[in-house]
Each structure stands twice: as structure tokens, then as C-alpha cells.
Amino acid sequence: MKKVIQKCARLVVFISILTLYCTSTVYAAGGDMFTVADDIIRTVYNSIAGISTALAGLMSAVAVIGAKMSNNQHKVDQAWDWLKRVWIAWAVINGIGAFIAYVRPLLDGYNTLP
């Protein structure tokens, strides 16, 4: 029981230090809260979109090779279904960015505190 309490205490200390470190980074970024949040969101989204594009290409190649090399019709159908799901997921992830790019100018001016 004593070891469990020690591990929990270490976890709390670790999370506290991590929280302090993260907040100091935000304060050091400069600008108001909305500018910093916008920069963070853009950076994270661009990373996700880049990774999803690379993975969609890789998974598409795997699905097509799996469909072409299989001799079982059920596995071929599963590979094409998988390929459709990969393309749909990629379109949704990149569609989010397009939607935000279109909607963001409509919402300019609403990010002020009264």
C-alpha cells in the first residue's frame, strides 16, 4: 500500500511540473490568448493533415496490392471497402481544414471579450 501511495505522489508531482512547464510556454509565446490558440491549432492541424496524407497513400497502396494479389473474392471486397474507408477518412480530415478556412473569416471579430 505504501508503494502505491508513493507512485501516486510521484505522478502528481510529475503532472504538476508538466502543467507548469506547459503554461510557461504559452505565456512565453507572446500575443493574446486567441493568437496563441490559433497558432497552436494551425500547427497541430497541419501536422495531422500531413501525417494523414502520407498514411492514406501508404494504406491505399497496401489495400490495392492486397486486392490485386488475393485469390479470394471476399478478401478482395474487404480490401476495396478498406480503401474506401481510408479515402473517406482522409477527405474528412482535410475537409475539416477547408471548412475552418472558409468559416474563419465569417467569425472574425467574435473573439473579443466584453
N, C-alpha and C. Protein backbone atom coordinates (compact mmCIF):
# COMPACT_ATOMS: atom_id res chain seq x y z
N MET A 1 0.82 -1.20 0.00
CA MET A 1 0.00 0.00 0.00
C MET A 1 0.86 1.26 0.00
N LYS A 2 1.99 1.18 0.70
CA LYS A 2 2.88 2.33 0.78
C LYS A 2 3.48 2.66 -0.59
N LYS A 3 3.80 1.61 -1.38
CA LYS A 3 4.36 1.83 -2.71
C LYS A 3 3.34 2.49 -3.63
N VAL A 4 2.07 2.13 -3.49
CA VAL A 4 1.02 2.74 -4.31
C VAL A 4 0.91 4.22 -4.01
N ILE A 5 0.97 4.58 -2.75
CA ILE A 5 0.89 5.99 -2.36
C ILE A 5 2.10 6.75 -2.88
N GLN A 6 3.29 6.14 -2.82
CA GLN A 6 4.49 6.79 -3.34
C GLN A 6 4.39 7.00 -4.85
N LYS A 7 3.89 6.01 -5.56
CA LYS A 7 3.74 6.15 -7.00
C LYS A 7 2.71 7.22 -7.35
N CYS A 8 1.63 7.29 -6.60
CA CYS A 8 0.62 8.33 -6.84
C CYS A 8 1.20 9.71 -6.56
N ALA A 9 1.99 9.83 -5.51
CA ALA A 9 2.61 11.11 -5.18
C ALA A 9 3.58 11.52 -6.29
N ARG A 10 4.36 10.59 -6.81
CA ARG A 10 5.27 10.90 -7.90
C ARG A 10 4.51 11.33 -9.15
N LEU A 11 3.39 10.66 -9.41
CA LEU A 11 2.58 11.01 -10.57
C LEU A 11 2.01 12.42 -10.43
N VAL A 12 1.55 12.77 -9.23
CA VAL A 12 1.01 14.12 -9.01
C VAL A 12 2.11 15.17 -9.19
N VAL A 13 3.29 14.90 -8.68
CA VAL A 13 4.40 15.84 -8.82
C VAL A 13 4.77 15.98 -10.30
N PHE A 14 4.83 14.87 -11.01
CA PHE A 14 5.17 14.90 -12.43
C PHE A 14 4.14 15.71 -13.22
N ILE A 15 2.86 15.47 -12.97
CA ILE A 15 1.81 16.20 -13.68
C ILE A 15 1.85 17.68 -13.33
N SER A 16 2.14 18.00 -12.08
CA SER A 16 2.23 19.40 -11.67
C SER A 16 3.38 20.11 -12.39
N ILE A 17 4.52 19.46 -12.45
CA ILE A 17 5.67 20.06 -13.14
C ILE A 17 5.38 20.20 -14.62
N LEU A 18 4.76 19.19 -15.21
CA LEU A 18 4.41 19.25 -16.62
C LEU A 18 3.43 20.38 -16.90
N THR A 19 2.46 20.57 -16.02
CA THR A 19 1.49 21.65 -16.18
C THR A 19 2.16 23.01 -16.09
N LEU A 20 3.05 23.17 -15.14
CA LEU A 20 3.76 24.44 -15.01
C LEU A 20 4.63 24.71 -16.22
N TYR A 21 5.26 23.68 -16.73
CA TYR A 21 6.10 23.85 -17.91
C TYR A 21 5.27 24.24 -19.13
N CYS A 22 4.13 23.62 -19.29
CA CYS A 22 3.28 23.92 -20.46
C CYS A 22 2.72 25.34 -20.38
N THR A 23 2.28 25.77 -19.22
CA THR A 23 1.73 27.12 -19.11
C THR A 23 2.80 28.18 -19.30
N SER A 24 4.02 27.90 -18.86
CA SER A 24 5.07 28.89 -19.06
C SER A 24 5.40 29.03 -20.54
N THR A 25 5.25 27.96 -21.29
CA THR A 25 5.48 28.03 -22.73
C THR A 25 4.43 28.91 -23.40
N VAL A 26 3.19 28.81 -22.97
CA VAL A 26 2.12 29.62 -23.55
C VAL A 26 2.35 31.09 -23.23
N TYR A 27 2.76 31.40 -22.02
CA TYR A 27 3.00 32.79 -21.67
C TYR A 27 4.18 33.35 -22.45
N ALA A 28 5.15 32.52 -22.76
CA ALA A 28 6.34 32.98 -23.46
C ALA A 28 6.06 33.19 -24.95
N ALA A 29 4.94 32.68 -25.45
CA ALA A 29 4.66 32.75 -26.88
C ALA A 29 4.36 34.17 -27.33
N GLY A 30 3.83 34.99 -26.47
CA GLY A 30 3.52 36.37 -26.83
C GLY A 30 2.18 36.48 -27.52
N GLY A 31 1.63 37.67 -27.53
CA GLY A 31 0.34 37.89 -28.16
C GLY A 31 -0.80 37.56 -27.20
N ASP A 32 -2.00 37.78 -27.67
CA ASP A 32 -3.15 37.48 -26.81
C ASP A 32 -3.50 36.00 -26.90
N MET A 33 -4.45 35.61 -26.10
CA MET A 33 -4.83 34.21 -25.98
C MET A 33 -5.32 33.65 -27.31
N PHE A 34 -6.05 34.42 -28.08
CA PHE A 34 -6.62 33.92 -29.32
C PHE A 34 -5.56 33.73 -30.41
N THR A 35 -4.57 34.58 -30.43
CA THR A 35 -3.48 34.44 -31.40
C THR A 35 -2.66 33.20 -31.10
N VAL A 36 -2.35 33.00 -29.82
CA VAL A 36 -1.58 31.82 -29.43
C VAL A 36 -2.38 30.55 -29.73
N ALA A 37 -3.67 30.55 -29.39
CA ALA A 37 -4.51 29.38 -29.66
C ALA A 37 -4.60 29.10 -31.16
N ASP A 38 -4.72 30.14 -31.95
CA ASP A 38 -4.79 29.97 -33.40
C ASP A 38 -3.49 29.36 -33.94
N ASP A 39 -2.36 29.82 -33.44
CA ASP A 39 -1.08 29.26 -33.88
C ASP A 39 -0.96 27.78 -33.50
N ILE A 40 -1.38 27.46 -32.28
CA ILE A 40 -1.30 26.07 -31.83
C ILE A 40 -2.21 25.18 -32.67
N ILE A 41 -3.43 25.63 -32.90
CA ILE A 41 -4.38 24.84 -33.68
C ILE A 41 -3.87 24.63 -35.10
N ARG A 42 -3.33 25.67 -35.71
CA ARG A 42 -2.81 25.53 -37.08
C ARG A 42 -1.64 24.56 -37.14
N THR A 43 -0.74 24.65 -36.17
CA THR A 43 0.42 23.76 -36.16
C THR A 43 -0.01 22.31 -35.99
N VAL A 44 -0.90 22.07 -35.04
CA VAL A 44 -1.37 20.71 -34.79
C VAL A 44 -2.13 20.17 -35.99
N TYR A 45 -3.01 20.98 -36.57
CA TYR A 45 -3.79 20.51 -37.71
C TYR A 45 -2.90 20.23 -38.92
N ASN A 46 -1.93 21.10 -39.19
CA ASN A 46 -1.03 20.86 -40.31
C ASN A 46 -0.23 19.58 -40.12
N SER A 47 0.17 19.29 -38.89
CA SER A 47 0.87 18.04 -38.62
C SER A 47 -0.04 16.84 -38.86
N ILE A 48 -1.28 16.92 -38.37
CA ILE A 48 -2.22 15.82 -38.55
C ILE A 48 -2.55 15.62 -40.03
N ALA A 49 -2.75 16.71 -40.75
CA ALA A 49 -3.08 16.59 -42.18
C ALA A 49 -1.92 16.00 -42.96
N GLY A 50 -0.71 16.40 -42.63
CA GLY A 50 0.46 15.85 -43.32
C GLY A 50 0.64 14.37 -43.06
N ILE A 51 0.49 13.98 -41.80
CA ILE A 51 0.62 12.57 -41.45
C ILE A 51 -0.51 11.76 -42.07
N SER A 52 -1.72 12.29 -42.06
CA SER A 52 -2.85 11.54 -42.62
C SER A 52 -2.70 11.37 -44.13
N THR A 53 -2.13 12.34 -44.81
CA THR A 53 -1.92 12.22 -46.25
C THR A 53 -0.90 11.12 -46.55
N ALA A 54 0.18 11.11 -45.80
CA ALA A 54 1.19 10.07 -46.01
C ALA A 54 0.62 8.69 -45.69
N LEU A 55 -0.10 8.58 -44.59
CA LEU A 55 -0.69 7.29 -44.23
C LEU A 55 -1.78 6.86 -45.20
N ALA A 56 -2.56 7.81 -45.71
CA ALA A 56 -3.59 7.45 -46.69
C ALA A 56 -2.95 6.90 -47.96
N GLY A 57 -1.86 7.48 -48.39
CA GLY A 57 -1.16 6.96 -49.56
C GLY A 57 -0.60 5.57 -49.31
N LEU A 58 -0.01 5.37 -48.15
CA LEU A 58 0.54 4.07 -47.80
C LEU A 58 -0.56 3.01 -47.69
N MET A 59 -1.63 3.35 -46.99
CA MET A 59 -2.72 2.38 -46.81
C MET A 59 -3.44 2.11 -48.12
N SER A 60 -3.52 3.10 -49.00
CA SER A 60 -4.11 2.87 -50.32
C SER A 60 -3.28 1.87 -51.10
N ALA A 61 -1.97 2.04 -51.04
CA ALA A 61 -1.10 1.10 -51.75
C ALA A 61 -1.24 -0.31 -51.18
N VAL A 62 -1.30 -0.43 -49.86
CA VAL A 62 -1.46 -1.74 -49.23
C VAL A 62 -2.79 -2.37 -49.63
N ALA A 63 -3.86 -1.58 -49.64
CA ALA A 63 -5.17 -2.10 -50.00
C ALA A 63 -5.22 -2.56 -51.45
N VAL A 64 -4.65 -1.78 -52.35
CA VAL A 64 -4.65 -2.14 -53.77
C VAL A 64 -3.81 -3.39 -54.00
N ILE A 65 -2.64 -3.45 -53.39
CA ILE A 65 -1.80 -4.64 -53.54
C ILE A 65 -2.50 -5.86 -52.96
N GLY A 66 -3.14 -5.67 -51.79
CA GLY A 66 -3.89 -6.78 -51.20
C GLY A 66 -5.03 -7.24 -52.08
N ALA A 67 -5.71 -6.31 -52.73
CA ALA A 67 -6.82 -6.68 -53.60
C ALA A 67 -6.33 -7.37 -54.86
N LYS A 68 -5.23 -6.92 -55.43
CA LYS A 68 -4.71 -7.49 -56.68
C LYS A 68 -4.05 -8.85 -56.47
N MET A 69 -3.47 -9.06 -55.31
CA MET A 69 -2.74 -10.31 -55.09
C MET A 69 -3.59 -11.40 -54.45
N SER A 70 -4.77 -11.09 -54.02
CA SER A 70 -5.61 -12.08 -53.36
C SER A 70 -6.35 -12.92 -54.39
N ASN A 71 -6.57 -14.18 -54.05
CA ASN A 71 -7.32 -15.06 -54.93
C ASN A 71 -8.71 -15.36 -54.36
N ASN A 72 -9.05 -14.74 -53.26
CA ASN A 72 -10.33 -14.94 -52.61
C ASN A 72 -11.19 -13.68 -52.83
N GLN A 73 -12.36 -13.84 -53.41
CA GLN A 73 -13.21 -12.69 -53.73
C GLN A 73 -13.64 -11.93 -52.47
N HIS A 74 -13.85 -12.64 -51.38
CA HIS A 74 -14.25 -11.99 -50.12
C HIS A 74 -13.14 -11.06 -49.63
N LYS A 75 -11.90 -11.50 -49.71
CA LYS A 75 -10.77 -10.65 -49.29
C LYS A 75 -10.58 -9.47 -50.23
N VAL A 76 -10.85 -9.68 -51.51
CA VAL A 76 -10.76 -8.57 -52.47
C VAL A 76 -11.80 -7.51 -52.13
N ASP A 77 -13.02 -7.94 -51.85
CA ASP A 77 -14.08 -6.99 -51.48
C ASP A 77 -13.73 -6.25 -50.19
N GLN A 78 -13.15 -6.97 -49.24
CA GLN A 78 -12.74 -6.32 -47.99
C GLN A 78 -11.65 -5.28 -48.24
N ALA A 79 -10.72 -5.58 -49.13
CA ALA A 79 -9.65 -4.64 -49.44
C ALA A 79 -10.21 -3.37 -50.09
N TRP A 80 -11.16 -3.52 -51.01
CA TRP A 80 -11.75 -2.33 -51.65
C TRP A 80 -12.58 -1.53 -50.65
N ASP A 81 -13.27 -2.22 -49.74
CA ASP A 81 -14.00 -1.50 -48.69
C ASP A 81 -13.05 -0.73 -47.78
N TRP A 82 -11.93 -1.36 -47.47
CA TRP A 82 -10.92 -0.70 -46.64
C TRP A 82 -10.37 0.53 -47.36
N LEU A 83 -10.15 0.40 -48.66
CA LEU A 83 -9.65 1.52 -49.45
C LEU A 83 -10.65 2.68 -49.44
N LYS A 84 -11.92 2.37 -49.55
CA LYS A 84 -12.95 3.42 -49.49
C LYS A 84 -12.94 4.12 -48.14
N ARG A 85 -12.80 3.34 -47.07
CA ARG A 85 -12.77 3.94 -45.73
C ARG A 85 -11.56 4.85 -45.55
N VAL A 86 -10.42 4.45 -46.08
CA VAL A 86 -9.21 5.27 -45.99
C VAL A 86 -9.43 6.59 -46.71
N TRP A 87 -9.98 6.54 -47.90
CA TRP A 87 -10.22 7.77 -48.67
C TRP A 87 -11.25 8.66 -47.99
N ILE A 88 -12.29 8.07 -47.43
CA ILE A 88 -13.31 8.86 -46.74
C ILE A 88 -12.70 9.54 -45.51
N ALA A 89 -11.91 8.80 -44.73
CA ALA A 89 -11.27 9.38 -43.55
C ALA A 89 -10.33 10.51 -43.94
N TRP A 90 -9.57 10.31 -45.01
CA TRP A 90 -8.66 11.36 -45.47
C TRP A 90 -9.44 12.59 -45.92
N ALA A 91 -10.55 12.38 -46.62
CA ALA A 91 -11.37 13.51 -47.08
C ALA A 91 -11.97 14.26 -45.90
N VAL A 92 -12.39 13.54 -44.87
CA VAL A 92 -12.96 14.20 -43.70
C VAL A 92 -11.90 15.02 -42.98
N ILE A 93 -10.72 14.45 -42.78
CA ILE A 93 -9.65 15.18 -42.08
C ILE A 93 -9.26 16.43 -42.84
N ASN A 94 -9.09 16.33 -44.15
CA ASN A 94 -8.73 17.51 -44.94
C ASN A 94 -9.92 18.44 -45.14
N GLY A 95 -11.12 17.91 -45.10
CA GLY A 95 -12.32 18.74 -45.20
C GLY A 95 -12.50 19.63 -43.99
N ILE A 96 -12.05 19.17 -42.84
CA ILE A 96 -12.12 20.00 -41.64
C ILE A 96 -11.30 21.27 -41.84
N GLY A 97 -10.10 21.12 -42.40
CA GLY A 97 -9.26 22.29 -42.67
C GLY A 97 -9.90 23.25 -43.66
N ALA A 98 -10.49 22.69 -44.71
CA ALA A 98 -11.16 23.54 -45.70
C ALA A 98 -12.36 24.25 -45.08
N PHE A 99 -13.11 23.56 -44.25
CA PHE A 99 -14.26 24.16 -43.58
C PHE A 99 -13.83 25.29 -42.66
N ILE A 100 -12.77 25.05 -41.90
CA ILE A 100 -12.29 26.09 -40.98
C ILE A 100 -11.76 27.29 -41.77
N ALA A 101 -11.06 27.02 -42.87
CA ALA A 101 -10.55 28.12 -43.68
C ALA A 101 -11.69 28.95 -44.27
N TYR A 102 -12.82 28.31 -44.57
CA TYR A 102 -13.96 29.03 -45.13
C TYR A 102 -14.75 29.76 -44.04
N VAL A 103 -14.94 29.13 -42.88
CA VAL A 103 -15.79 29.69 -41.83
C VAL A 103 -15.05 30.74 -41.01
N ARG A 104 -13.74 30.61 -40.86
CA ARG A 104 -12.99 31.53 -40.00
C ARG A 104 -13.17 33.00 -40.38
N PRO A 105 -13.10 33.37 -41.67
CA PRO A 105 -13.31 34.79 -41.99
C PRO A 105 -14.71 35.28 -41.61
N LEU A 106 -15.69 34.39 -41.60
CA LEU A 106 -17.04 34.80 -41.22
C LEU A 106 -17.16 35.11 -39.73
N LEU A 107 -16.24 34.53 -38.93
CA LEU A 107 -16.31 34.70 -37.49
C LEU A 107 -15.33 35.73 -36.97
N ASP A 108 -14.64 36.44 -37.82
CA ASP A 108 -13.69 37.46 -37.36
C ASP A 108 -14.45 38.55 -36.58
N GLY A 109 -13.88 38.95 -35.47
CA GLY A 109 -14.49 39.96 -34.64
C GLY A 109 -15.25 39.39 -33.45
N TYR A 110 -15.56 38.10 -33.47
CA TYR A 110 -16.26 37.48 -32.36
C TYR A 110 -15.32 37.00 -31.26
N ASN A 111 -14.03 37.08 -31.47
CA ASN A 111 -13.08 36.58 -30.49
C ASN A 111 -12.61 37.67 -29.54
N THR A 112 -13.46 38.60 -29.22
CA THR A 112 -13.13 39.63 -28.25
C THR A 112 -13.95 39.43 -26.99
N LEU A 113 -13.33 39.71 -25.88
CA LEU A 113 -14.03 39.59 -24.61
C LEU A 113 -14.74 40.89 -24.30
N PRO A 114 -15.96 40.81 -23.75
CA PRO A 114 -16.69 42.06 -23.45
C PRO A 114 -16.09 42.84 -22.31
